[in-house]
PDB file of N, CA and C in Angstrom:
ATOM      1  N   MET A   1       0.836  -1.179   0.000  1.00  0.00           N
ATOM      2  CA  MET A   1       0.000   0.000   0.000  1.00  0.00           C
ATOM      3  C   MET A   1       0.885   1.249   0.000  1.00  0.00           C
ATOM      4  N   LEU A   2       0.556   2.196  -0.833  1.00  0.00           N
ATOM      5  CA  LEU A   2       1.308   3.444  -0.913  1.00  0.00           C
ATOM      6  C   LEU A   2       0.783   4.403   0.147  1.00  0.00           C
ATOM      7  N   LYS A   3       1.625   4.797   1.085  1.00  0.00           N
ATOM      8  CA  LYS A   3       1.171   5.623   2.191  1.00  0.00           C
ATOM      9  C   LYS A   3       1.272   7.106   1.905  1.00  0.00           C
ATOM     10  N   LYS A   4       2.230   7.549   1.110  1.00  0.00           N
ATOM     11  CA  LYS A   4       2.459   8.970   0.898  1.00  0.00           C
ATOM     12  C   LYS A   4       1.719   9.528  -0.312  1.00  0.00           C
ATOM     13  N   THR A   5       1.357   8.689  -1.253  1.00  0.00           N
ATOM     14  CA  THR A   5       0.771   9.169  -2.489  1.00  0.00           C
ATOM     15  C   THR A   5      -0.718   9.412  -2.314  1.00  0.00           C
ATOM     16  N   LYS A   6      -1.133  10.657  -2.576  1.00  0.00           N
ATOM     17  CA  LYS A   6      -2.537  11.032  -2.520  1.00  0.00           C
ATOM     18  C   LYS A   6      -2.813  11.972  -3.673  1.00  0.00           C
ATOM     19  N   TYR A   7      -4.084  12.121  -4.018  1.00  0.00           N
ATOM     20  CA  TYR A   7      -4.424  13.029  -5.106  1.00  0.00           C
ATOM     21  C   TYR A   7      -5.721  13.755  -4.790  1.00  0.00           C
ATOM     22  N   MET A   8      -5.930  14.858  -5.475  1.00  0.00           N
ATOM     23  CA  MET A   8      -7.171  15.601  -5.364  1.00  0.00           C
ATOM     24  C   MET A   8      -7.638  15.946  -6.760  1.00  0.00           C
ATOM     25  N   ALA A   9      -8.912  15.764  -7.016  1.00  0.00           N
ATOM     26  CA  ALA A   9      -9.499  16.131  -8.295  1.00  0.00           C
ATOM     27  C   ALA A   9     -10.620  17.121  -8.042  1.00  0.00           C
ATOM     28  N   ILE A  10     -10.686  18.136  -8.862  1.00  0.00           N
ATOM     29  CA  ILE A  10     -11.724  19.147  -8.717  1.00  0.00           C
ATOM     30  C   ILE A  10     -12.906  18.708  -9.587  1.00  0.00           C
ATOM     31  N   VAL A  11     -13.658  17.770  -9.062  1.00  0.00           N
ATOM     32  CA  VAL A  11     -14.837  17.227  -9.737  1.00  0.00           C
ATOM     33  C   VAL A  11     -15.880  16.894  -8.679  1.00  0.00           C
ATOM     34  N   ASP A  12     -17.079  16.521  -9.134  1.00  0.00           N
ATOM     35  CA  ASP A  12     -18.144  16.179  -8.196  1.00  0.00           C
ATOM     36  C   ASP A  12     -17.872  14.870  -7.458  1.00  0.00           C
ATOM     37  N   LYS A  13     -17.496  13.833  -8.211  1.00  0.00           N
ATOM     38  CA  LYS A  13     -17.291  12.520  -7.600  1.00  0.00           C
ATOM     39  C   LYS A  13     -15.839  12.098  -7.760  1.00  0.00           C
ATOM     40  N   SER A  14     -15.224  11.764  -6.649  1.00  0.00           N
ATOM     41  CA  SER A  14     -13.856  11.268  -6.671  1.00  0.00           C
ATOM     42  C   SER A  14     -13.784  10.050  -5.766  1.00  0.00           C
ATOM     43  N   ARG A  15     -12.861   9.185  -6.075  1.00  0.00           N
ATOM     44  CA  ARG A  15     -12.694   7.982  -5.264  1.00  0.00           C
ATOM     45  C   ARG A  15     -11.225   7.590  -5.250  1.00  0.00           C
ATOM     46  N   ASP A  16     -10.882   6.702  -4.349  1.00  0.00           N
ATOM     47  CA  ASP A  16      -9.522   6.181  -4.306  1.00  0.00           C
ATOM     48  C   ASP A  16      -9.252   5.399  -5.586  1.00  0.00           C
ATOM     49  N   LEU A  17      -8.000   5.442  -6.042  1.00  0.00           N
ATOM     50  CA  LEU A  17      -7.622   4.760  -7.274  1.00  0.00           C
ATOM     51  C   LEU A  17      -6.917   3.444  -6.945  1.00  0.00           C
ATOM     52  N   GLN A  18      -7.362   2.378  -7.551  1.00  0.00           N
ATOM     53  CA  GLN A  18      -6.730   1.076  -7.397  1.00  0.00           C
ATOM     54  C   GLN A  18      -5.705   0.904  -8.513  1.00  0.00           C
ATOM     55  N   LEU A  19      -4.456   0.623  -8.173  1.00  0.00           N
ATOM     56  CA  LEU A  19      -3.412   0.422  -9.163  1.00  0.00           C
ATOM     57  C   LEU A  19      -3.443  -1.011  -9.693  1.00  0.00           C
ATOM     58  N   GLU A  20      -3.251  -1.160 -10.991  1.00  0.00           N
ATOM     59  CA  GLU A  20      -3.293  -2.495 -11.591  1.00  0.00           C
ATOM     60  C   GLU A  20      -1.962  -3.228 -11.473  1.00  0.00           C
ATOM     61  N   ASP A  21      -0.863  -2.548 -11.798  1.00  0.00           N
ATOM     62  CA  ASP A  21       0.445  -3.205 -11.821  1.00  0.00           C
ATOM     63  C   ASP A  21       0.973  -3.477 -10.413  1.00  0.00           C
ATOM     64  N   VAL A  22       0.778  -2.522  -9.551  1.00  0.00           N
ATOM     65  CA  VAL A  22       1.281  -2.636  -8.181  1.00  0.00           C
ATOM     66  C   VAL A  22       0.073  -2.763  -7.262  1.00  0.00           C
ATOM     67  N   LYS A  23       0.178  -3.624  -6.306  1.00  0.00           N
ATOM     68  CA  LYS A  23      -0.935  -3.751  -5.371  1.00  0.00           C
ATOM     69  C   LYS A  23      -0.904  -2.552  -4.430  1.00  0.00           C
ATOM     70  N   GLY A  24      -1.767  -1.619  -4.696  1.00  0.00           N
ATOM     71  CA  GLY A  24      -1.808  -0.423  -3.868  1.00  0.00           C
ATOM     72  C   GLY A  24      -2.977   0.457  -4.234  1.00  0.00           C
ATOM     73  N   ILE A  25      -3.213   1.431  -3.399  1.00  0.00           N
ATOM     74  CA  ILE A  25      -4.299   2.375  -3.596  1.00  0.00           C
ATOM     75  C   ILE A  25      -3.743   3.786  -3.463  1.00  0.00           C
ATOM     76  N   ILE A  26      -4.155   4.667  -4.363  1.00  0.00           N
ATOM     77  CA  ILE A  26      -3.831   6.089  -4.248  1.00  0.00           C
ATOM     78  C   ILE A  26      -5.061   6.757  -3.649  1.00  0.00           C
ATOM     79  N   SER A  27      -4.896   7.326  -2.473  1.00  0.00           N
ATOM     80  CA  SER A  27      -6.017   7.901  -1.737  1.00  0.00           C
ATOM     81  C   SER A  27      -6.426   9.261  -2.285  1.00  0.00           C
ATOM     82  N   HIS A  28      -7.714   9.530  -2.201  1.00  0.00           N
ATOM     83  CA  HIS A  28      -8.268  10.816  -2.600  1.00  0.00           C
ATOM     84  C   HIS A  28      -8.343  11.716  -1.367  1.00  0.00           C
ATOM     85  N   VAL A  29      -8.033  12.998  -1.512  1.00  0.00           N
ATOM     86  CA  VAL A  29      -8.139  13.972  -0.426  1.00  0.00           C
ATOM     87  C   VAL A  29      -9.089  15.091  -0.839  1.00  0.00           C
ATOM     88  N   ASN A  30      -9.682  15.756   0.144  1.00  0.00           N
ATOM     89  CA  ASN A  30     -10.637  16.831  -0.129  1.00  0.00           C
ATOM     90  C   ASN A  30     -10.000  18.210  -0.177  1.00  0.00           C
ATOM     91  N   GLU A  31      -8.792  18.335   0.344  1.00  0.00           N
ATOM     92  CA  GLU A  31      -8.065  19.596   0.214  1.00  0.00           C
ATOM     93  C   GLU A  31      -6.583  19.307   0.080  1.00  0.00           C
ATOM     94  N   TYR A  32      -5.878  20.224  -0.577  1.00  0.00           N
ATOM     95  CA  TYR A  32      -4.482  20.010  -0.931  1.00  0.00           C
ATOM     96  C   TYR A  32      -3.758  21.346  -0.848  1.00  0.00           C
ATOM     97  N   THR A  33      -2.528  21.334  -0.405  1.00  0.00           N
ATOM     98  CA  THR A  33      -1.729  22.553  -0.367  1.00  0.00           C
ATOM     99  C   THR A  33      -0.760  22.532  -1.536  1.00  0.00           C
ATOM    100  N   TYR A  34      -0.874  23.545  -2.399  1.00  0.00           N
ATOM    101  CA  TYR A  34      -0.026  23.655  -3.582  1.00  0.00           C
ATOM    102  C   TYR A  34       0.648  25.013  -3.558  1.00  0.00           C
ATOM    103  N   LEU A  35       1.968  25.020  -3.548  1.00  0.00           N
ATOM    104  CA  LEU A  35       2.762  26.249  -3.477  1.00  0.00           C
ATOM    105  C   LEU A  35       2.334  27.116  -2.303  1.00  0.00           C
ATOM    106  N   GLY A  36       2.045  26.465  -1.182  1.00  0.00           N
ATOM    107  CA  GLY A  36       1.685  27.183   0.038  1.00  0.00           C
ATOM    108  C   GLY A  36       0.246  27.647   0.105  1.00  0.00           C
ATOM    109  N   VAL A  37      -0.578  27.329  -0.877  1.00  0.00           N
ATOM    110  CA  VAL A  37      -1.983  27.746  -0.882  1.00  0.00           C
ATOM    111  C   VAL A  37      -2.866  26.513  -0.743  1.00  0.00           C
ATOM    112  N   ARG A  38      -3.748  26.553   0.222  1.00  0.00           N
ATOM    113  CA  ARG A  38      -4.678  25.443   0.444  1.00  0.00           C
ATOM    114  C   ARG A  38      -5.854  25.570  -0.523  1.00  0.00           C
ATOM    115  N   ILE A  39      -6.093  24.520  -1.288  1.00  0.00           N
ATOM    116  CA  ILE A  39      -7.181  24.482  -2.265  1.00  0.00           C
ATOM    117  C   ILE A  39      -8.115  23.350  -1.878  1.00  0.00           C
ATOM    118  N   THR A  40      -9.415  23.625  -1.924  1.00  0.00           N
ATOM    119  CA  THR A  40     -10.397  22.604  -1.575  1.00  0.00           C
ATOM    120  C   THR A  40     -10.861  21.852  -2.813  1.00  0.00           C
ATOM    121  N   LYS A  41     -11.621  20.792  -2.588  1.00  0.00           N
ATOM    122  CA  LYS A  41     -12.094  19.923  -3.666  1.00  0.00           C
ATOM    123  C   LYS A  41     -12.909  20.685  -4.709  1.00  0.00           C
ATOM    124  N   ASP A  42     -13.638  21.700  -4.280  1.00  0.00           N
ATOM    125  CA  ASP A  42     -14.446  22.461  -5.227  1.00  0.00           C
ATOM    126  C   ASP A  42     -13.655  23.576  -5.913  1.00  0.00           C
ATOM    127  N   GLY A  43     -12.338  23.612  -5.706  1.00  0.00           N
ATOM    128  CA  GLY A  43     -11.479  24.592  -6.372  1.00  0.00           C
ATOM    129  C   GLY A  43     -11.413  25.928  -5.657  1.00  0.00           C
ATOM    130  N   ASN A  44     -11.970  26.003  -4.487  1.00  0.00           N
ATOM    131  CA  ASN A  44     -12.032  27.250  -3.730  1.00  0.00           C
ATOM    132  C   ASN A  44     -10.752  27.443  -2.919  1.00  0.00           C
ATOM    133  N   HIS A  45     -10.147  28.601  -3.025  1.00  0.00           N
ATOM    134  CA  HIS A  45      -8.980  28.922  -2.200  1.00  0.00           C
ATOM    135  C   HIS A  45      -9.192  30.226  -1.436  1.00  0.00           C
ATOM    136  N   GLU A  46     -10.424  30.693  -1.363  1.00  0.00           N
ATOM    137  CA  GLU A  46     -10.728  31.930  -0.646  1.00  0.00           C
ATOM    138  C   GLU A  46     -10.437  31.862   0.852  1.00  0.00           C
ATOM    139  N   PRO A  47     -10.744  30.750   1.551  1.00  0.00           N
ATOM    140  CA  PRO A  47     -10.410  30.723   2.988  1.00  0.00           C
ATOM    141  C   PRO A  47      -8.928  30.977   3.247  1.00  0.00           C
ATOM    142  N   GLU A  48      -8.074  30.424   2.415  1.00  0.00           N
ATOM    143  CA  GLU A  48      -6.624  30.634   2.552  1.00  0.00           C
ATOM    144  C   GLU A  48      -6.274  32.094   2.283  1.00  0.00           C
ATOM    145  N   MET A  49      -6.889  32.687   1.273  1.00  0.00           N
ATOM    146  CA  MET A  49      -6.628  34.087   0.950  1.00  0.00           C
ATOM    147  C   MET A  49      -7.115  34.995   2.081  1.00  0.00           C
ATOM    148  N   ASN A  50      -8.278  34.703   2.631  1.00  0.00           N
ATOM    149  CA  ASN A  50      -8.807  35.513   3.727  1.00  0.00           C
ATOM    150  C   ASN A  50      -7.921  35.415   4.967  1.00  0.00           C
ATOM    151  N   ASP A  51      -7.379  34.241   5.231  1.00  0.00           N
ATOM    152  CA  ASP A  51      -6.442  34.093   6.351  1.00  0.00           C
ATOM    153  C   ASP A  51      -5.218  34.976   6.152  1.00  0.00           C
ATOM    154  N   GLY A  52      -4.686  35.010   4.931  1.00  0.00           N
ATOM    155  CA  GLY A  52      -3.522  35.855   4.640  1.00  0.00           C
ATOM    156  C   GLY A  52      -3.834  37.331   4.787  1.00  0.00           C
ATOM    157  N   ILE A  53      -5.007  37.740   4.343  1.00  0.00           N
ATOM    158  CA  ILE A  53      -5.419  39.139   4.475  1.00  0.00           C
ATOM    159  C   ILE A  53      -5.534  39.516   5.943  1.00  0.00           C
ATOM    160  N   ASN A  54      -6.131  38.645   6.743  1.00  0.00           N
ATOM    161  CA  ASN A  54      -6.288  38.924   8.173  1.00  0.00           C
ATOM    162  C   ASN A  54      -4.945  38.978   8.891  1.00  0.00           C
ATOM    163  N   ARG A  55      -4.001  38.110   8.511  1.00  0.00           N
ATOM    164  CA  ARG A  55      -2.660  38.165   9.115  1.00  0.00           C
ATOM    165  C   ARG A  55      -1.957  39.461   8.733  1.00  0.00           C
ATOM    166  N   GLY A  56      -2.141  39.911   7.498  1.00  0.00           N
ATOM    167  CA  GLY A  56      -1.555  41.174   7.065  1.00  0.00           C
ATOM    168  C   GLY A  56      -2.137  42.355   7.813  1.00  0.00           C
ATOM    169  N   ARG A  57      -3.435  42.362   8.002  1.00  0.00           N
ATOM    170  CA  ARG A  57      -4.083  43.446   8.756  1.00  0.00           C
ATOM    171  C   ARG A  57      -3.578  43.501  10.190  1.00  0.00           C
ATOM    172  N   ALA A  58      -3.417  42.328  10.806  1.00  0.00           N
ATOM    173  CA  ALA A  58      -2.915  42.281  12.178  1.00  0.00           C
ATOM    174  C   ALA A  58      -1.493  42.837  12.253  1.00  0.00           C
ATOM    175  N   ALA A  59      -0.663  42.513  11.267  1.00  0.00           N
ATOM    176  CA  ALA A  59       0.710  43.021  11.251  1.00  0.00           C
ATOM    177  C   ALA A  59       0.729  44.537  11.070  1.00  0.00           C
ATOM    178  N   ILE A  60      -0.110  45.069  10.187  1.00  0.00           N
ATOM    179  CA  ILE A  60      -0.172  46.517   9.963  1.00  0.00           C
ATOM    180  C   ILE A  60      -0.645  47.224  11.227  1.00  0.00           C
ATOM    181  N   THR A  61      -1.615  46.639  11.912  1.00  0.00           N
ATOM    182  CA  THR A  61      -2.100  47.237  13.161  1.00  0.00           C
ATOM    183  C   THR A  61      -0.978  47.326  14.191  1.00  0.00           C
ATOM    184  N   LYS A  62      -0.205  46.274  14.310  1.00  0.00           N
ATOM    185  CA  LYS A  62       0.918  46.293  15.262  1.00  0.00           C
ATOM    186  C   LYS A  62       1.959  47.318  14.851  1.00  0.00           C
ATOM    187  N   LEU A  63       2.272  47.396  13.552  1.00  0.00           N
ATOM    188  CA  LEU A  63       3.253  48.370  13.082  1.00  0.00           C
ATOM    189  C   LEU A  63       2.757  49.794  13.273  1.00  0.00           C
ATOM    190  N   ASN A  64       1.487  50.048  13.029  1.00  0.00           N
ATOM    191  CA  ASN A  64       0.939  51.394  13.205  1.00  0.00           C
ATOM    192  C   ASN A  64       1.037  51.842  14.650  1.00  0.00           C
ATOM    193  N   SER A  65       0.827  50.925  15.594  1.00  0.00           N
ATOM    194  CA  SER A  65       0.930  51.306  17.005  1.00  0.00           C
ATOM    195  C   SER A  65       2.363  51.702  17.359  1.00  0.00           C
ATOM    196  N   ILE A  66       3.345  51.126  16.676  1.00  0.00           N
ATOM    197  CA  ILE A  66       4.751  51.487  16.920  1.00  0.00           C
ATOM    198  C   ILE A  66       5.106  52.774  16.175  1.00  0.00           C
ATOM    199  N   LEU A  67       4.715  52.866  14.909  1.00  0.00           N
ATOM    200  CA  LEU A  67       5.100  54.012  14.085  1.00  0.00           C
ATOM    201  C   LEU A  67       4.435  55.314  14.509  1.00  0.00           C
ATOM    202  N   TRP A  68       3.226  55.243  14.987  1.00  0.00           N
ATOM    203  CA  TRP A  68       2.490  56.458  15.308  1.00  0.00           C
ATOM    204  C   TRP A  68       2.411  56.726  16.797  1.00  0.00           C
ATOM    205  N   ASP A  69       3.238  56.070  17.586  1.00  0.00           N
ATOM    206  CA  ASP A  69       3.285  56.294  19.038  1.00  0.00           C
ATOM    207  C   ASP A  69       3.945  57.651  19.285  1.00  0.00           C
ATOM    208  N   ARG A  70       3.246  58.555  19.945  1.00  0.00           N
ATOM    209  CA  ARG A  70       3.742  59.928  20.188  1.00  0.00           C
ATOM    210  C   ARG A  70       4.848  59.972  21.249  1.00  0.00           C
ATOM    211  N   ASP A  71       4.942  58.953  22.084  1.00  0.00           N
ATOM    212  CA  ASP A  71       5.931  58.974  23.170  1.00  0.00           C
ATOM    213  C   ASP A  71       7.328  58.562  22.699  1.00  0.00           C
ATOM    214  N   VAL A  72       7.461  58.041  21.511  1.00  0.00           N
ATOM    215  CA  VAL A  72       8.748  57.579  21.003  1.00  0.00           C
ATOM    216  C   VAL A  72       9.458  58.751  20.336  1.00  0.00           C
ATOM    217  N   THR A  73      10.719  58.959  20.698  1.00  0.00           N
ATOM    218  CA  THR A  73      11.490  60.035  20.071  1.00  0.00           C
ATOM    219  C   THR A  73      12.382  59.429  19.008  1.00  0.00           C
ATOM    220  N   VAL A  74      12.480  60.117  17.880  1.00  0.00           N
ATOM    221  CA  VAL A  74      13.292  59.661  16.761  1.00  0.00           C
ATOM    222  C   VAL A  74      14.547  60.498  16.725  1.00  0.00           C
ATOM    223  N   MET A  75      15.694  59.851  16.626  1.00  0.00           N
ATOM    224  CA  MET A  75      16.965  60.577  16.590  1.00  0.00           C
ATOM    225  C   MET A  75      17.433  60.763  15.195  1.00  0.00           C
TER     226      MET A  75
END
């Protein structure tokens, strides 16, 4: 049995693949990470994009509190 090999297809019906030459199964997964982006079975990657946007907003908020702090003196 192949433990590391898995696949994802962006279709309505997917199933595990039975190999003919080698006794093994290639498992189907519902989401896959490709080049650091999580993609779901229906081809949607918006949740991953929204997570990145929210992390960026949090970083900007932290930077703004440092950059616009009136008590800090700049030399």
